[in-house]
Amino acid sequence: MRENTSPDKALDGSALRVAVALSGGVDSAVAAALYKERGADVFALTMRLQDDDNTDDAARVAAALGIPHHIIDLRDLFASCVMDYFADSYLDGETPVPCVRCNRLIKFGALMDAAKEMGAQALVTGHYARRVETPEGAQLHTGDDPARDQSYFLSALTQAQIDFLRFPLAEMTKDDTRAIAASLGLSVAQKPDSQDICFVPCGDYASVLQRLRPEAFTRGNIVDEAGNILGTHDGIAHFTVGQRKGLNLSARKGDNNAPLFVLALDAAKNQVIVGPREALAKRIVTLTDLNWLGGDVPAGGLPVTVKLRSMQAPVAATFHKLDDGKSGEIHLSEPVFGVAAGQAGVMYDGTHLLGGGRIVGAR
């Protein structure tokens, strides 16, 4: 048995009954194996989110580990709460992060409810994030490997959800995880990572949106900041703020042929607004649907670091919580380029995730 260095040592042992969110990938497989090694009473739950979901790998892992395996049918809820949200966001000119919403409402909402109904005292997942116990409740921190950290996608979780979760891969790299899976003879040890949103195979957003919201592909104009028509587009769903490729404006007239970038998407007018890169620079970002876990925010604001996209490096900022308690402003210490409505703004104090919200504007 491997040495247990997990921060949730106090909950190890045969007295703990845990559910593992078993996806069929190597991360959740190793998470299940680690808790089984610790002597916990482990059972696996696999979400069925779409009609064509293949749960064979998850079933094979559960059988190899000798743990009960249950498939939880969440197709209708996933379609209404995640896929419709994803499609409507693009129709509104936003660039959504459906995984943030899915984690709160589906994986750690409906699936967590199912785990509790089956007697689980905790829900274990293969996320690369850290849960730290404090007298005020559990905190969510970044995983040790910054290249694998997934805390950004957990920024909408409630305190109650964080209290119930366990993340045994917090200290690991992906190579560590694969090595453990190989040592156990698990068939998914070298299974490739999924690089896409689960319902967007091969990153083909257009085909999914074409099926869900064909009106998002109505032809419209590409205009500059003054409203001058520079070209046409085949639907605003093809674009996001900060994008340069795909504008097809190389034949512009005159001497000014500096690169143009997408500055904004005007859904009401079906316009893609473009301009120079310097026009993308933003210093203040507005959030709504705020999920704040960081305690009191001083009147003058709270110093934080912030991520405005999942792959973006954190930048220094000051966070101001607005009077309604559901929104806030991030005042960046330096300009950030390509801030897109629909993405998540996530605040940290060092490794500690303080909260996040949906970006609705920037200036």
Protein backbone atom coordinates (compact mmCIF):
# COMPACT_ATOMS: atom_id res chain seq x y z
CA MET A 1 0.00 0.00 0.00
CA ARG A 2 1.30 3.47 -0.88
CA GLU A 3 1.96 6.01 1.83
CA ASN A 4 -1.05 8.22 2.41
CA THR A 5 -0.11 11.88 2.10
CA SER A 6 -3.63 13.10 1.43
CA PRO A 7 -4.94 16.10 3.43
CA ASP A 8 -8.05 14.09 4.34
CA LYS A 9 -6.22 11.42 6.39
CA ALA A 10 -8.72 11.68 9.22
CA LEU A 11 -11.43 10.28 6.99
CA ASP A 12 -9.54 7.19 5.83
CA GLY A 13 -10.41 3.71 6.99
CA SER A 14 -13.13 1.14 6.71
CA ALA A 15 -15.67 3.31 8.53
CA LEU A 16 -15.88 5.70 5.58
CA ARG A 17 -18.34 4.93 2.79
CA VAL A 18 -17.45 6.88 -0.33
CA ALA A 19 -18.82 7.26 -3.83
CA VAL A 20 -16.36 7.80 -6.64
CA ALA A 21 -17.39 9.76 -9.73
CA LEU A 22 -15.99 7.23 -12.21
CA SER A 23 -15.79 8.65 -15.73
CA GLY A 24 -13.84 5.88 -17.44
CA GLY A 25 -10.62 7.92 -17.52
CA VAL A 26 -7.36 7.24 -15.71
CA ASP A 27 -7.78 10.04 -13.14
CA SER A 28 -11.03 8.85 -11.62
CA ALA A 29 -9.85 5.23 -11.83
CA VAL A 30 -6.80 6.00 -9.68
CA ALA A 31 -8.90 8.09 -7.29
CA ALA A 32 -11.12 5.04 -6.74
CA ALA A 33 -8.13 2.74 -6.32
CA LEU A 34 -6.52 4.99 -3.71
CA TYR A 35 -9.61 5.03 -1.52
CA LYS A 36 -10.07 1.29 -1.87
CA GLU A 37 -6.45 0.83 -0.71
CA ARG A 38 -7.17 2.97 2.35
CA GLY A 39 -9.89 0.54 3.38
CA ALA A 40 -12.90 2.69 2.58
CA ASP A 41 -16.20 1.16 1.50
CA VAL A 42 -16.08 2.34 -2.12
CA PHE A 43 -18.73 2.29 -4.82
CA ALA A 44 -18.64 3.94 -8.24
CA LEU A 45 -21.14 6.24 -9.92
CA THR A 46 -20.95 6.98 -13.65
CA MET A 47 -23.06 9.72 -15.20
CA ARG A 48 -24.97 9.03 -18.41
CA LEU A 49 -25.21 12.48 -19.97
CA GLN A 50 -25.99 11.71 -23.63
CA ASP A 51 -27.63 8.92 -25.58
CA ASP A 52 -24.33 7.77 -27.10
CA ASP A 53 -22.28 7.74 -23.89
CA ASN A 54 -19.96 4.75 -23.66
CA THR A 55 -19.60 3.53 -20.08
CA ASP A 56 -17.58 0.40 -20.89
CA ASP A 57 -14.24 1.72 -19.58
CA ALA A 58 -15.83 2.76 -16.30
CA ALA A 59 -17.43 -0.66 -15.93
CA ARG A 60 -14.11 -2.39 -16.62
CA VAL A 61 -12.30 -0.28 -14.01
CA ALA A 62 -14.96 -0.96 -11.39
CA ALA A 63 -14.77 -4.69 -12.11
CA ALA A 64 -10.97 -4.67 -11.92
CA LEU A 65 -11.09 -2.89 -8.56
CA GLY A 66 -13.91 -5.09 -7.27
CA ILE A 67 -16.26 -2.23 -6.41
CA PRO A 68 -19.99 -1.87 -7.15
CA HIS A 69 -20.77 0.26 -10.20
CA HIS A 70 -23.95 2.26 -10.82
CA ILE A 71 -24.91 4.33 -13.86
CA ILE A 72 -26.90 7.47 -13.03
CA ASP A 73 -29.07 8.71 -15.90
CA LEU A 74 -28.82 12.51 -15.99
CA ARG A 75 -29.48 13.05 -19.69
CA ASP A 76 -32.54 15.28 -19.40
CA LEU A 77 -31.04 17.47 -16.68
CA PHE A 78 -27.74 17.78 -18.56
CA ALA A 79 -29.51 18.77 -21.77
CA SER A 80 -31.58 21.48 -20.10
CA CYS A 81 -29.04 22.85 -17.62
CA VAL A 82 -25.79 22.57 -19.58
CA MET A 83 -26.26 22.02 -23.30
CA ASP A 84 -29.08 24.55 -23.67
CA TYR A 85 -27.10 27.05 -21.58
CA PHE A 86 -24.04 26.48 -23.78
CA ALA A 87 -25.99 27.02 -26.98
CA ASP A 88 -27.95 30.05 -25.74
CA SER A 89 -24.74 31.69 -24.52
CA TYR A 90 -23.24 31.52 -28.00
CA LEU A 91 -26.49 32.86 -29.44
CA ASP A 92 -26.16 35.81 -27.04
CA GLY A 93 -22.63 36.53 -28.24
CA GLU A 94 -20.86 34.99 -25.24
CA THR A 95 -18.11 32.37 -24.94
CA PRO A 96 -19.37 30.05 -22.19
CA VAL A 97 -17.53 27.65 -19.87
CA PRO A 98 -20.09 24.84 -19.59
CA CYS A 99 -17.86 22.72 -17.32
CA VAL A 100 -18.17 25.28 -14.50
CA ARG A 101 -21.96 25.06 -14.64
CA CYS A 102 -21.94 21.28 -15.04
CA ASN A 103 -19.74 20.82 -11.98
CA ARG A 104 -22.07 22.80 -9.76
CA LEU A 105 -25.42 21.52 -11.04
CA ILE A 106 -24.74 18.05 -12.42
CA LYS A 107 -21.55 16.35 -11.21
CA PHE A 108 -21.56 17.89 -7.73
CA GLY A 109 -25.26 18.60 -7.72
CA ALA A 110 -27.41 15.74 -9.02
CA LEU A 111 -24.65 13.12 -8.83
CA MET A 112 -23.74 14.17 -5.30
CA ASP A 113 -27.41 13.87 -4.33
CA ALA A 114 -27.43 10.32 -5.70
CA ALA A 115 -24.28 9.50 -3.72
CA LYS A 116 -25.85 10.75 -0.50
CA GLU A 117 -29.03 8.77 -1.15
CA MET A 118 -26.86 5.64 -1.43
CA GLY A 119 -25.24 6.30 1.93
CA ALA A 120 -22.00 7.95 0.87
CA GLN A 121 -20.22 10.12 3.41
CA ALA A 122 -18.05 11.72 0.72
CA LEU A 123 -17.81 11.98 -3.06
CA VAL A 124 -14.35 11.33 -4.51
CA THR A 125 -13.22 12.64 -7.89
CA GLY A 126 -10.09 12.62 -10.03
CA HIS A 127 -9.76 16.40 -10.22
CA TYR A 128 -6.32 17.90 -9.75
CA ALA A 129 -7.28 20.22 -6.91
CA ARG A 130 -6.74 20.30 -3.16
CA ARG A 131 -9.27 20.34 -0.34
CA VAL A 132 -7.96 21.69 2.97
CA GLU A 133 -9.84 21.36 6.26
CA THR A 134 -10.15 24.48 8.41
CA PRO A 135 -12.25 25.30 11.50
CA GLU A 136 -14.57 27.32 9.25
CA GLY A 137 -15.06 24.49 6.78
CA ALA A 138 -13.12 23.00 3.89
CA GLN A 139 -11.22 25.25 1.52
CA LEU A 140 -10.53 24.64 -2.14
CA HIS A 141 -6.92 25.11 -3.27
CA THR A 142 -5.01 24.60 -6.48
CA GLY A 143 -3.44 21.24 -7.17
CA ASP A 144 0.32 20.91 -6.69
CA ASP A 145 1.02 20.56 -10.42
CA PRO A 146 0.16 23.91 -12.05
CA ALA A 147 0.05 22.26 -15.48
CA ARG A 148 -2.83 20.03 -14.33
CA ASP A 149 -4.66 22.27 -11.84
CA GLN A 150 -8.45 22.18 -12.38
CA SER A 151 -9.60 24.51 -9.61
CA TYR A 152 -10.80 27.11 -12.16
CA PHE A 153 -13.58 24.74 -13.22
CA LEU A 154 -14.63 24.21 -9.58
CA SER A 155 -15.09 27.92 -8.85
CA ALA A 156 -18.90 27.77 -8.69
CA LEU A 157 -19.03 25.06 -6.02
CA THR A 158 -20.83 25.87 -2.78
CA GLN A 159 -19.31 25.45 0.67
CA ALA A 160 -21.53 22.43 1.28
CA GLN A 161 -20.31 20.78 -1.92
CA ILE A 162 -16.64 21.40 -1.08
CA ASP A 163 -17.18 19.98 2.41
CA PHE A 164 -18.48 16.72 0.89
CA LEU A 165 -15.80 16.31 -1.80
CA ARG A 166 -12.41 14.58 -1.72
CA PHE A 167 -9.57 15.06 -4.24
CA PRO A 168 -6.91 12.36 -3.71
CA LEU A 169 -4.84 13.42 -6.76
CA ALA A 170 -4.01 16.85 -5.31
CA GLU A 171 -0.30 16.12 -4.90
CA MET A 172 0.19 14.17 -8.13
CA THR A 173 1.35 14.84 -11.65
CA LYS A 174 -0.30 13.10 -14.58
CA ASP A 175 2.74 10.82 -14.86
CA ASP A 176 2.27 9.81 -11.22
CA THR A 177 -1.36 8.96 -11.89
CA ARG A 178 -0.57 6.88 -14.96
CA ALA A 179 2.18 5.04 -13.11
CA ILE A 180 -0.21 4.01 -10.34
CA ALA A 181 -2.81 2.87 -12.88
CA ALA A 182 -0.17 0.81 -14.70
CA SER A 183 1.04 -0.77 -11.45
CA LEU A 184 -2.53 -1.88 -10.78
CA GLY A 185 -2.96 -3.25 -14.29
CA LEU A 186 -5.86 -0.91 -15.06
CA SER A 187 -6.83 -0.91 -18.73
CA VAL A 188 -7.12 2.90 -18.82
CA ALA A 189 -3.52 3.56 -17.66
CA GLN A 190 -2.51 5.03 -21.02
CA LYS A 191 -5.93 6.23 -22.16
CA PRO A 192 -5.49 9.65 -23.83
CA ASP A 193 -6.76 12.72 -22.01
CA SER A 194 -9.96 14.27 -23.27
CA GLN A 195 -9.08 17.66 -24.75
CA ASP A 196 -12.63 18.76 -25.43
CA ILE A 197 -15.89 19.55 -23.72
CA CYS A 198 -17.58 16.16 -23.33
CA PHE A 199 -20.44 16.93 -25.71
CA VAL A 200 -18.20 18.66 -28.30
CA PRO A 201 -16.23 15.83 -29.93
CA CYS A 202 -12.97 16.84 -31.63
CA GLY A 203 -13.57 20.46 -30.67
CA ASP A 204 -16.23 20.84 -33.37
CA TYR A 205 -18.34 23.52 -31.70
CA ALA A 206 -19.96 24.50 -34.97
CA SER A 207 -21.64 21.14 -35.59
CA VAL A 208 -23.06 21.01 -32.05
CA LEU A 209 -24.35 24.58 -32.25
CA GLN A 210 -25.72 24.01 -35.75
CA ARG A 211 -27.86 21.21 -34.34
CA LEU A 212 -28.94 23.03 -31.19
CA ARG A 213 -29.27 26.64 -32.39
CA PRO A 214 -29.05 26.91 -36.19
CA GLU A 215 -30.02 30.59 -35.93
CA ALA A 216 -26.55 31.25 -34.51
CA PHE A 217 -25.25 30.84 -38.07
CA THR A 218 -27.18 33.66 -39.70
CA ARG A 219 -24.98 35.76 -41.96
CA GLY A 220 -24.14 39.24 -40.75
CA ASN A 221 -21.63 42.05 -40.99
CA ILE A 222 -18.14 42.50 -39.64
CA VAL A 223 -17.77 46.14 -38.65
CA ASP A 224 -15.15 48.42 -37.12
CA GLU A 225 -15.66 50.43 -33.95
CA ALA A 226 -17.27 53.23 -35.94
CA GLY A 227 -19.79 50.87 -37.53
CA ASN A 228 -18.19 50.76 -40.96
CA ILE A 229 -18.80 47.47 -42.73
CA LEU A 230 -15.54 45.65 -43.45
CA GLY A 231 -16.89 42.26 -44.47
CA THR A 232 -19.40 39.55 -43.64
CA HIS A 233 -19.51 36.52 -41.39
CA ASP A 234 -21.41 33.22 -41.37
CA GLY A 235 -22.64 33.46 -37.76
CA ILE A 236 -21.40 35.03 -34.54
CA ALA A 237 -21.01 31.56 -33.04
CA HIS A 238 -17.79 31.23 -35.06
CA PHE A 239 -16.10 33.99 -33.05
CA THR A 240 -14.84 34.92 -29.60
CA VAL A 241 -13.32 38.09 -28.21
CA GLY A 242 -9.60 38.28 -28.98
CA GLN A 243 -9.83 36.12 -32.08
CA ARG A 244 -7.75 37.08 -35.12
CA LYS A 245 -8.02 34.12 -37.46
CA GLY A 246 -11.08 33.50 -39.58
CA LEU A 247 -12.05 37.13 -40.22
CA ASN A 248 -11.04 36.94 -43.90
CA LEU A 249 -10.47 40.68 -44.16
CA SER A 250 -7.11 40.54 -45.91
CA ALA A 251 -8.41 42.45 -48.94
CA ARG A 252 -9.04 45.70 -47.05
CA LYS A 253 -8.56 48.88 -49.03
CA GLY A 254 -6.05 51.62 -48.23
CA ASP A 255 -2.70 51.62 -46.48
CA ASN A 256 -3.86 50.60 -43.00
CA ASN A 257 -3.64 46.82 -43.02
CA ALA A 258 -2.66 46.29 -39.38
CA PRO A 259 -4.08 43.04 -37.94
CA LEU A 260 -7.64 43.23 -36.65
CA PHE A 261 -9.06 41.31 -33.71
CA VAL A 262 -12.58 40.56 -32.50
CA LEU A 263 -13.41 43.23 -29.90
CA ALA A 264 -17.04 42.33 -29.22
CA LEU A 265 -20.02 40.39 -30.51
CA ASP A 266 -23.29 42.30 -30.88
CA ALA A 267 -25.95 39.58 -30.82
CA ALA A 268 -28.86 42.01 -31.28
CA LYS A 269 -27.38 43.36 -34.53
CA ASN A 270 -25.69 40.08 -35.49
CA GLN A 271 -22.40 41.95 -35.86
CA VAL A 272 -18.80 41.05 -35.21
CA ILE A 273 -16.97 44.20 -34.09
CA VAL A 274 -13.25 44.31 -34.85
CA GLY A 275 -10.37 46.64 -34.17
CA PRO A 276 -6.65 46.85 -33.32
CA ARG A 277 -5.13 44.73 -30.58
CA GLU A 278 -4.71 47.70 -28.24
CA ALA A 279 -8.50 48.10 -28.17
CA LEU A 280 -8.73 44.70 -26.46
CA ALA A 281 -6.92 45.95 -23.36
CA LYS A 282 -9.22 45.96 -20.31
CA ARG A 283 -8.57 47.03 -16.72
CA ILE A 284 -11.96 46.45 -15.04
CA VAL A 285 -13.99 43.23 -15.37
CA THR A 286 -17.60 42.88 -14.18
CA LEU A 287 -18.91 39.57 -12.80
CA THR A 288 -22.38 38.27 -12.11
CA ASP A 289 -23.63 34.98 -10.61
CA LEU A 290 -20.94 35.51 -7.97
CA ASN A 291 -20.01 32.52 -5.81
CA TRP A 292 -17.91 33.98 -3.00
CA LEU A 293 -16.20 31.74 -0.44
CA GLY A 294 -13.54 34.13 0.80
CA GLY A 295 -15.19 35.82 3.77
CA ASP A 296 -15.53 39.57 4.19
CA VAL A 297 -14.33 41.91 1.44
CA PRO A 298 -13.02 45.27 2.73
CA ALA A 299 -14.69 48.45 1.49
CA GLY A 300 -11.54 49.35 -0.42
CA GLY A 301 -11.37 45.97 -2.12
CA LEU A 302 -9.43 42.75 -1.54
CA PRO A 303 -6.03 42.07 -3.16
CA VAL A 304 -6.25 38.84 -5.18
CA THR A 305 -4.82 37.08 -8.17
CA VAL A 306 -7.33 36.30 -10.91
CA LYS A 307 -7.73 34.00 -13.88
CA LEU A 308 -10.07 35.16 -16.66
CA ARG A 309 -9.65 32.06 -18.82
CA SER A 310 -8.72 28.55 -17.75
CA MET A 311 -5.34 28.52 -19.51
CA GLN A 312 -4.43 32.10 -18.65
CA ALA A 313 -1.70 32.85 -16.12
CA PRO A 314 -3.05 34.53 -12.95
CA VAL A 315 -2.67 38.31 -12.76
CA ALA A 316 -2.72 40.63 -9.75
CA ALA A 317 -5.96 42.51 -9.11
CA THR A 318 -8.25 44.02 -6.49
CA PHE A 319 -11.70 42.51 -6.06
CA HIS A 320 -14.71 44.64 -5.12
CA LYS A 321 -17.91 42.92 -4.06
CA LEU A 322 -20.96 44.96 -5.10
CA ASP A 323 -23.90 45.76 -2.83
CA ASP A 324 -26.24 43.16 -4.30
CA GLY A 325 -23.91 40.38 -3.16
CA LYS A 326 -24.34 38.61 -6.49
CA SER A 327 -21.91 40.64 -8.57
CA GLY A 328 -18.49 42.18 -8.33
CA GLU A 329 -15.73 44.02 -10.12
CA ILE A 330 -12.14 42.97 -10.70
CA HIS A 331 -9.71 45.90 -10.99
CA LEU A 332 -6.65 44.54 -12.78
CA SER A 333 -3.18 45.80 -11.95
CA GLU A 334 -2.26 45.63 -15.62
CA PRO A 335 -4.32 45.45 -18.82
CA VAL A 336 -5.54 42.05 -19.94
CA PHE A 337 -6.30 41.33 -23.59
CA GLY A 338 -9.22 39.27 -24.86
CA VAL A 339 -11.61 39.32 -21.89
CA ALA A 340 -14.73 37.49 -23.12
CA ALA A 341 -18.25 37.61 -21.72
CA GLY A 342 -19.39 34.16 -20.60
CA GLN A 343 -15.99 33.07 -19.32
CA ALA A 344 -15.34 32.70 -15.59
CA GLY A 345 -13.42 35.20 -13.50
CA VAL A 346 -11.83 33.25 -10.65
CA MET A 347 -10.07 34.84 -7.65
CA TYR A 348 -7.30 33.36 -5.52
CA ASP A 349 -5.27 34.22 -2.44
CA GLY A 350 -2.11 32.31 -3.24
CA THR A 351 -3.34 28.75 -3.81
CA HIS A 352 -6.67 29.33 -2.01
CA LEU A 353 -9.66 29.72 -4.33
CA LEU A 354 -11.79 32.56 -2.98
CA GLY A 355 -14.64 32.48 -5.47
CA GLY A 356 -15.66 33.25 -9.00
CA GLY A 357 -18.38 34.51 -11.25
CA ARG A 358 -19.48 34.84 -14.88
CA ILE A 359 -17.92 37.67 -16.85
CA VAL A 360 -20.56 40.01 -18.26
CA GLY A 361 -18.49 43.02 -19.22
CA ALA A 362 -15.06 44.66 -19.28
CA ARG A 363 -13.72 48.12 -19.83
